[in-house]
Amino acid sequence: MVPMKEISGGGVVFREKDGRTEVQLIQDRFGKMTIPKGKMEPGETIEETALREINEETGITGRIVEPLERITYDYEHKEYGTVHKEVHYYLVEAVGGDLQAQIEEINGVEWFSPEEAWEKQVQAGYDNNDGVLRKALDKIGFRA
């Protein structure tokens, strides 16, 4: 049986506020700190998926600056068996909206300094997000 393929898009969202750069992280249902992402819907580009998911999960509208990384992994789905997941991450600048967690899907969303965001990732993030967040922080001028 060929594994089902699932494509998702998401991004590391940043903003400039009061002369400081801030990075957004969400806390998922499992209490882990992570990056907003979600499944592609029919007719969407991966970029559209990333921006829609960020907006749905966090209330923030963004603008894609550049692609960051594509990560792949397999997971077991109780109905479909092995699913091959491909997630495309982008560096996204916040351009509007109000920070508001989509409580059906996530526990919370917050802005952090780049240093705090990296600490949260190391302490409570998913290992496969290390490279994504490190690249994003590097691009906004912070060495993780």
N, C-alpha and C. Protein backbone atom coordinates (compact mmCIF):
# COMPACT_ATOMS: atom_id res chain seq x y z
N MET A 1 0.83 -1.19 0.00
CA MET A 1 0.00 0.00 0.00
C MET A 1 0.88 1.25 0.00
N VAL A 2 0.59 2.17 -0.90
CA VAL A 2 1.35 3.42 -0.99
C VAL A 2 0.90 4.36 0.12
N PRO A 3 1.86 4.94 0.87
CA PRO A 3 1.45 5.84 1.95
C PRO A 3 0.70 7.06 1.38
N MET A 4 -0.28 7.51 2.14
CA MET A 4 -1.00 8.72 1.78
C MET A 4 -0.04 9.90 1.95
N LYS A 5 -0.18 10.92 1.08
CA LYS A 5 0.68 12.09 1.21
C LYS A 5 -0.15 13.27 1.69
N GLU A 6 0.42 14.01 2.63
CA GLU A 6 -0.25 15.19 3.18
C GLU A 6 0.72 16.35 3.09
N ILE A 7 0.26 17.47 2.52
CA ILE A 7 1.12 18.65 2.39
C ILE A 7 0.56 19.75 3.29
N SER A 8 1.45 20.36 4.06
CA SER A 8 1.07 21.46 4.94
C SER A 8 1.96 22.66 4.68
N GLY A 9 1.45 23.82 5.08
CA GLY A 9 2.23 25.05 4.99
C GLY A 9 2.13 25.79 6.30
N GLY A 10 3.18 26.54 6.61
CA GLY A 10 3.20 27.31 7.84
C GLY A 10 4.33 28.30 7.82
N GLY A 11 4.54 28.95 8.95
CA GLY A 11 5.62 29.92 8.93
C GLY A 11 6.01 30.45 10.28
N VAL A 12 7.24 30.97 10.31
CA VAL A 12 7.75 31.68 11.47
C VAL A 12 7.38 33.14 11.24
N VAL A 13 6.50 33.66 12.10
CA VAL A 13 5.99 35.03 11.96
C VAL A 13 6.80 35.96 12.85
N PHE A 14 7.19 37.10 12.28
CA PHE A 14 7.92 38.09 13.06
C PHE A 14 7.32 39.47 12.82
N ARG A 15 7.63 40.39 13.73
CA ARG A 15 7.20 41.78 13.56
C ARG A 15 8.21 42.69 14.24
N GLU A 16 8.17 43.95 13.85
CA GLU A 16 8.96 45.00 14.51
C GLU A 16 7.97 45.75 15.39
N LYS A 17 8.27 45.87 16.69
CA LYS A 17 7.40 46.62 17.57
C LYS A 17 8.26 47.43 18.53
N ASP A 18 8.03 48.74 18.56
CA ASP A 18 8.78 49.64 19.43
C ASP A 18 10.29 49.46 19.25
N GLY A 19 10.72 49.31 18.00
CA GLY A 19 12.14 49.19 17.71
C GLY A 19 12.74 47.83 18.02
N ARG A 20 11.90 46.87 18.40
CA ARG A 20 12.42 45.52 18.72
C ARG A 20 11.75 44.49 17.81
N THR A 21 12.49 43.45 17.50
CA THR A 21 11.94 42.37 16.71
C THR A 21 11.31 41.34 17.64
N GLU A 22 10.12 40.87 17.28
CA GLU A 22 9.44 39.83 18.04
C GLU A 22 9.07 38.68 17.12
N VAL A 23 9.07 37.49 17.70
CA VAL A 23 8.77 36.26 16.97
C VAL A 23 7.59 35.58 17.64
N GLN A 24 6.70 35.06 16.81
CA GLN A 24 5.49 34.42 17.32
C GLN A 24 5.68 32.91 17.45
N LEU A 25 5.25 32.36 18.58
CA LEU A 25 5.18 30.91 18.74
C LEU A 25 3.80 30.57 19.28
N ILE A 26 3.33 29.38 18.93
CA ILE A 26 2.07 28.91 19.49
C ILE A 26 2.34 27.74 20.43
N GLN A 27 1.41 27.54 21.36
CA GLN A 27 1.46 26.36 22.21
C GLN A 27 0.36 25.44 21.70
N ASP A 28 0.76 24.23 21.29
CA ASP A 28 -0.24 23.31 20.73
C ASP A 28 -1.03 22.59 21.81
N ARG A 29 -1.94 21.73 21.38
CA ARG A 29 -2.81 21.00 22.32
C ARG A 29 -2.03 20.09 23.26
N PHE A 30 -0.79 19.76 22.89
CA PHE A 30 0.03 18.85 23.70
C PHE A 30 0.95 19.62 24.64
N GLY A 31 0.82 20.96 24.66
CA GLY A 31 1.65 21.78 25.53
C GLY A 31 3.01 22.10 24.97
N LYS A 32 3.26 21.74 23.70
CA LYS A 32 4.56 22.01 23.07
C LYS A 32 4.53 23.37 22.40
N MET A 33 5.69 24.05 22.39
CA MET A 33 5.83 25.32 21.67
C MET A 33 6.15 24.98 20.22
N THR A 34 5.45 25.62 19.29
CA THR A 34 5.65 25.27 17.89
C THR A 34 5.32 26.44 16.97
N ILE A 35 5.34 26.16 15.69
CA ILE A 35 5.15 27.14 14.63
C ILE A 35 3.80 26.87 13.98
N PRO A 36 2.98 27.90 13.71
CA PRO A 36 1.69 27.63 13.08
C PRO A 36 1.83 26.98 11.71
N LYS A 37 1.01 25.96 11.49
CA LYS A 37 1.00 25.27 10.19
C LYS A 37 -0.30 24.51 10.06
N GLY A 38 -0.60 24.10 8.84
CA GLY A 38 -1.80 23.30 8.64
C GLY A 38 -1.88 22.75 7.24
N LYS A 39 -2.89 21.91 7.02
CA LYS A 39 -3.04 21.17 5.77
C LYS A 39 -3.52 22.06 4.62
N MET A 40 -2.97 21.75 3.46
CA MET A 40 -3.33 22.42 2.23
C MET A 40 -4.75 22.02 1.84
N GLU A 41 -5.53 22.98 1.36
CA GLU A 41 -6.88 22.71 0.90
C GLU A 41 -6.89 22.71 -0.63
N PRO A 42 -7.84 22.00 -1.24
CA PRO A 42 -7.90 21.94 -2.71
C PRO A 42 -7.92 23.34 -3.33
N GLY A 43 -7.11 23.51 -4.37
CA GLY A 43 -7.07 24.78 -5.08
C GLY A 43 -6.12 25.82 -4.51
N GLU A 44 -5.50 25.53 -3.37
CA GLU A 44 -4.57 26.48 -2.75
C GLU A 44 -3.14 26.21 -3.19
N THR A 45 -2.34 27.27 -3.21
CA THR A 45 -0.89 27.09 -3.32
C THR A 45 -0.38 26.85 -1.89
N ILE A 46 0.85 26.37 -1.78
CA ILE A 46 1.41 26.14 -0.45
C ILE A 46 1.57 27.47 0.30
N GLU A 47 1.91 28.53 -0.43
CA GLU A 47 2.04 29.85 0.19
C GLU A 47 0.70 30.32 0.75
N GLU A 48 -0.39 30.12 -0.03
CA GLU A 48 -1.72 30.50 0.45
C GLU A 48 -2.10 29.70 1.69
N THR A 49 -1.75 28.42 1.68
CA THR A 49 -2.02 27.57 2.84
C THR A 49 -1.32 28.13 4.07
N ALA A 50 -0.03 28.45 3.94
CA ALA A 50 0.75 28.96 5.08
C ALA A 50 0.10 30.22 5.65
N LEU A 51 -0.25 31.17 4.79
CA LEU A 51 -0.83 32.43 5.27
C LEU A 51 -2.22 32.22 5.87
N ARG A 52 -3.03 31.33 5.27
CA ARG A 52 -4.36 31.05 5.81
C ARG A 52 -4.26 30.41 7.18
N GLU A 53 -3.38 29.41 7.30
CA GLU A 53 -3.24 28.70 8.58
C GLU A 53 -2.74 29.63 9.68
N ILE A 54 -1.77 30.49 9.35
CA ILE A 54 -1.25 31.45 10.34
C ILE A 54 -2.41 32.34 10.80
N ASN A 55 -3.20 32.83 9.85
CA ASN A 55 -4.32 33.70 10.20
C ASN A 55 -5.37 32.96 11.03
N GLU A 56 -5.71 31.74 10.63
CA GLU A 56 -6.72 30.97 11.37
C GLU A 56 -6.26 30.66 12.79
N GLU A 57 -5.00 30.25 12.94
CA GLU A 57 -4.51 29.82 14.25
C GLU A 57 -4.17 30.98 15.17
N THR A 58 -3.74 32.12 14.60
CA THR A 58 -3.21 33.19 15.45
C THR A 58 -3.91 34.54 15.32
N GLY A 59 -4.76 34.71 14.30
CA GLY A 59 -5.42 36.00 14.08
C GLY A 59 -4.57 37.00 13.32
N ILE A 60 -3.34 36.64 12.99
CA ILE A 60 -2.41 37.56 12.34
C ILE A 60 -2.40 37.35 10.82
N THR A 61 -2.44 38.47 10.07
CA THR A 61 -2.26 38.39 8.63
C THR A 61 -0.79 38.66 8.34
N GLY A 62 -0.27 37.93 7.39
CA GLY A 62 1.16 38.04 7.11
C GLY A 62 1.48 38.17 5.65
N ARG A 63 2.75 38.44 5.40
CA ARG A 63 3.31 38.55 4.06
C ARG A 63 4.53 37.64 4.02
N ILE A 64 4.57 36.75 3.04
CA ILE A 64 5.72 35.84 2.93
C ILE A 64 6.95 36.62 2.48
N VAL A 65 8.03 36.48 3.24
CA VAL A 65 9.29 37.13 2.90
C VAL A 65 10.11 36.19 2.01
N GLU A 66 10.23 34.92 2.46
CA GLU A 66 10.97 33.93 1.68
C GLU A 66 10.74 32.54 2.27
N PRO A 67 10.99 31.50 1.44
CA PRO A 67 10.89 30.13 1.97
C PRO A 67 12.01 29.87 2.96
N LEU A 68 11.73 29.06 4.00
CA LEU A 68 12.75 28.71 4.99
C LEU A 68 13.22 27.28 4.81
N GLU A 69 12.28 26.34 4.87
CA GLU A 69 12.68 24.93 4.88
C GLU A 69 11.46 24.06 4.58
N ARG A 70 11.75 22.87 4.07
CA ARG A 70 10.73 21.85 3.87
C ARG A 70 11.15 20.66 4.71
N ILE A 71 10.27 20.23 5.62
CA ILE A 71 10.60 19.05 6.42
C ILE A 71 9.61 17.94 6.07
N THR A 72 10.08 16.71 6.16
CA THR A 72 9.22 15.57 5.85
C THR A 72 9.33 14.55 6.98
N TYR A 73 8.23 13.88 7.22
CA TYR A 73 8.23 12.80 8.20
C TYR A 73 7.00 11.94 7.95
N ASP A 74 7.01 10.75 8.51
CA ASP A 74 5.87 9.84 8.41
C ASP A 74 5.21 9.73 9.76
N TYR A 75 3.89 9.56 9.75
CA TYR A 75 3.18 9.28 11.00
C TYR A 75 2.08 8.28 10.71
N GLU A 76 1.62 7.65 11.76
CA GLU A 76 0.57 6.63 11.62
C GLU A 76 -0.80 7.25 11.90
N HIS A 77 -1.70 7.09 10.94
CA HIS A 77 -3.07 7.58 11.08
C HIS A 77 -3.97 6.38 11.31
N LYS A 78 -4.88 6.48 12.27
CA LYS A 78 -5.69 5.30 12.62
C LYS A 78 -6.56 4.82 11.47
N GLU A 79 -6.95 5.70 10.56
CA GLU A 79 -7.78 5.31 9.42
C GLU A 79 -6.97 4.97 8.18
N TYR A 80 -5.95 5.81 7.87
CA TYR A 80 -5.24 5.68 6.59
C TYR A 80 -3.90 4.96 6.67
N GLY A 81 -3.48 4.58 7.87
CA GLY A 81 -2.17 3.94 8.01
C GLY A 81 -1.06 4.96 7.95
N THR A 82 0.04 4.62 7.28
CA THR A 82 1.19 5.52 7.21
C THR A 82 0.89 6.72 6.32
N VAL A 83 1.14 7.91 6.86
CA VAL A 83 0.96 9.15 6.09
C VAL A 83 2.33 9.81 5.96
N HIS A 84 2.67 10.14 4.71
CA HIS A 84 3.92 10.84 4.44
C HIS A 84 3.60 12.34 4.46
N LYS A 85 4.14 13.04 5.45
CA LYS A 85 3.83 14.45 5.64
C LYS A 85 4.98 15.32 5.14
N GLU A 86 4.62 16.36 4.42
CA GLU A 86 5.59 17.32 3.90
C GLU A 86 5.13 18.70 4.36
N VAL A 87 5.98 19.41 5.11
CA VAL A 87 5.61 20.73 5.62
C VAL A 87 6.56 21.78 5.05
N HIS A 88 5.98 22.78 4.42
CA HIS A 88 6.75 23.89 3.84
C HIS A 88 6.63 25.08 4.78
N TYR A 89 7.78 25.55 5.27
CA TYR A 89 7.80 26.69 6.19
C TYR A 89 8.37 27.93 5.50
N TYR A 90 7.80 29.07 5.85
CA TYR A 90 8.20 30.35 5.28
C TYR A 90 8.52 31.33 6.40
N LEU A 91 9.34 32.32 6.07
CA LEU A 91 9.55 33.46 6.95
C LEU A 91 8.44 34.44 6.60
N VAL A 92 7.63 34.82 7.59
CA VAL A 92 6.43 35.63 7.35
C VAL A 92 6.46 36.87 8.23
N GLU A 93 6.30 38.02 7.60
CA GLU A 93 6.23 39.27 8.35
C GLU A 93 4.77 39.57 8.66
N ALA A 94 4.48 39.86 9.93
CA ALA A 94 3.12 40.22 10.34
C ALA A 94 2.79 41.58 9.75
N VAL A 95 1.62 41.69 9.10
CA VAL A 95 1.22 42.97 8.51
C VAL A 95 -0.11 43.46 9.06
N GLY A 96 -0.80 42.66 9.87
CA GLY A 96 -2.07 43.10 10.42
C GLY A 96 -2.72 42.03 11.27
N GLY A 97 -3.94 42.32 11.69
CA GLY A 97 -4.68 41.37 12.51
C GLY A 97 -4.45 41.58 13.99
N ASP A 98 -5.21 40.85 14.78
CA ASP A 98 -5.07 40.90 16.24
C ASP A 98 -4.75 39.51 16.74
N LEU A 99 -3.75 39.43 17.61
CA LEU A 99 -3.32 38.14 18.15
C LEU A 99 -4.47 37.47 18.90
N GLN A 100 -4.87 36.31 18.40
CA GLN A 100 -5.96 35.58 19.03
C GLN A 100 -5.82 34.10 18.70
N ALA A 101 -5.66 33.29 19.73
CA ALA A 101 -5.48 31.85 19.53
C ALA A 101 -6.78 31.19 19.08
N GLN A 102 -6.65 30.28 18.12
CA GLN A 102 -7.80 29.47 17.68
C GLN A 102 -7.94 28.34 18.70
N ILE A 103 -8.79 28.56 19.70
CA ILE A 103 -8.82 27.65 20.85
C ILE A 103 -9.27 26.23 20.52
N GLU A 104 -9.91 26.03 19.37
CA GLU A 104 -10.27 24.66 18.98
C GLU A 104 -9.02 23.84 18.65
N GLU A 105 -7.97 24.52 18.22
CA GLU A 105 -6.78 23.80 17.75
C GLU A 105 -5.54 23.98 18.61
N ILE A 106 -5.40 25.15 19.23
CA ILE A 106 -4.16 25.42 19.99
C ILE A 106 -4.50 25.98 21.37
N ASN A 107 -3.53 25.91 22.28
CA ASN A 107 -3.73 26.43 23.64
C ASN A 107 -3.44 27.91 23.77
N GLY A 108 -2.52 28.42 22.94
CA GLY A 108 -2.17 29.83 23.07
C GLY A 108 -1.20 30.28 22.01
N VAL A 109 -1.05 31.60 21.89
CA VAL A 109 -0.10 32.20 20.96
C VAL A 109 0.46 33.46 21.61
N GLU A 110 1.78 33.67 21.45
CA GLU A 110 2.42 34.83 22.07
C GLU A 110 3.56 35.34 21.20
N TRP A 111 3.91 36.60 21.41
CA TRP A 111 5.10 37.20 20.81
C TRP A 111 6.24 37.09 21.82
N PHE A 112 7.43 36.76 21.32
CA PHE A 112 8.62 36.64 22.16
C PHE A 112 9.78 37.38 21.51
N SER A 113 10.75 37.79 22.33
CA SER A 113 12.00 38.28 21.74
C SER A 113 12.64 37.08 21.04
N PRO A 114 13.53 37.30 20.08
CA PRO A 114 14.19 36.16 19.43
C PRO A 114 14.88 35.24 20.44
N GLU A 115 15.51 35.82 21.48
CA GLU A 115 16.19 35.01 22.51
C GLU A 115 15.19 34.12 23.24
N GLU A 116 14.06 34.71 23.65
CA GLU A 116 13.03 33.94 24.36
C GLU A 116 12.44 32.86 23.46
N ALA A 117 12.21 33.19 22.18
CA ALA A 117 11.63 32.22 21.25
C ALA A 117 12.56 31.01 21.13
N TRP A 118 13.87 31.27 21.02
CA TRP A 118 14.82 30.16 20.90
C TRP A 118 14.83 29.32 22.18
N GLU A 119 14.80 30.00 23.35
CA GLU A 119 14.76 29.27 24.63
C GLU A 119 13.52 28.37 24.71
N LYS A 120 12.37 28.91 24.32
CA LYS A 120 11.11 28.14 24.35
C LYS A 120 11.22 26.94 23.42
N GLN A 121 11.83 27.13 22.25
CA GLN A 121 11.99 26.04 21.29
C GLN A 121 12.87 24.94 21.89
N VAL A 122 13.98 25.34 22.50
CA VAL A 122 14.90 24.36 23.08
C VAL A 122 14.24 23.61 24.24
N GLN A 123 13.52 24.35 25.08
CA GLN A 123 12.91 23.75 26.28
C GLN A 123 11.67 22.92 25.96
N ALA A 124 10.81 23.41 25.06
CA ALA A 124 9.49 22.80 24.91
C ALA A 124 9.04 22.65 23.46
N GLY A 125 9.99 22.73 22.51
CA GLY A 125 9.61 22.62 21.10
C GLY A 125 9.85 21.23 20.54
N TYR A 126 9.43 21.05 19.30
CA TYR A 126 9.69 19.80 18.57
C TYR A 126 11.07 19.88 17.92
N ASP A 127 11.83 18.78 18.03
CA ASP A 127 13.19 18.77 17.48
C ASP A 127 13.23 19.15 16.00
N ASN A 128 12.24 18.67 15.22
CA ASN A 128 12.30 18.95 13.78
C ASN A 128 12.03 20.41 13.44
N ASN A 129 11.68 21.23 14.43
CA ASN A 129 11.52 22.67 14.21
C ASN A 129 12.79 23.47 14.52
N ASP A 130 13.80 22.81 15.11
CA ASP A 130 15.03 23.53 15.47
C ASP A 130 15.63 24.26 14.26
N GLY A 131 15.81 23.53 13.17
CA GLY A 131 16.43 24.10 11.98
C GLY A 131 15.59 25.21 11.37
N VAL A 132 14.27 25.04 11.38
CA VAL A 132 13.36 26.03 10.81
C VAL A 132 13.47 27.34 11.59
N LEU A 133 13.37 27.24 12.92
CA LEU A 133 13.43 28.45 13.74
C LEU A 133 14.82 29.08 13.69
N ARG A 134 15.85 28.24 13.69
CA ARG A 134 17.22 28.78 13.63
C ARG A 134 17.42 29.58 12.34
N LYS A 135 16.94 29.05 11.20
CA LYS A 135 17.06 29.77 9.92
C LYS A 135 16.29 31.08 9.95
N ALA A 136 15.08 31.05 10.51
CA ALA A 136 14.26 32.26 10.58
C ALA A 136 14.96 33.32 11.43
N LEU A 137 15.45 32.93 12.60
CA LEU A 137 16.12 33.87 13.49
C LEU A 137 17.36 34.45 12.84
N ASP A 138 18.10 33.60 12.13
CA ASP A 138 19.29 34.05 11.42
C ASP A 138 18.92 35.11 10.38
N LYS A 139 17.83 34.91 9.66
CA LYS A 139 17.41 35.84 8.61
C LYS A 139 16.95 37.18 9.17
N ILE A 140 16.46 37.18 10.42
CA ILE A 140 16.04 38.46 11.02
C ILE A 140 17.16 39.05 11.89
N GLY A 141 18.36 38.46 11.80
CA GLY A 141 19.53 39.06 12.45
C GLY A 141 19.85 38.59 13.83
N PHE A 142 19.37 37.39 14.20
CA PHE A 142 19.67 36.85 15.54
C PHE A 142 20.33 35.49 15.39
N ARG A 143 21.47 35.30 16.07
CA ARG A 143 22.18 34.00 16.01
C ARG A 143 21.71 33.10 17.14
N ALA A 144 21.07 31.99 16.78
CA ALA A 144 20.61 31.03 17.80
C ALA A 144 21.75 30.09 18.18
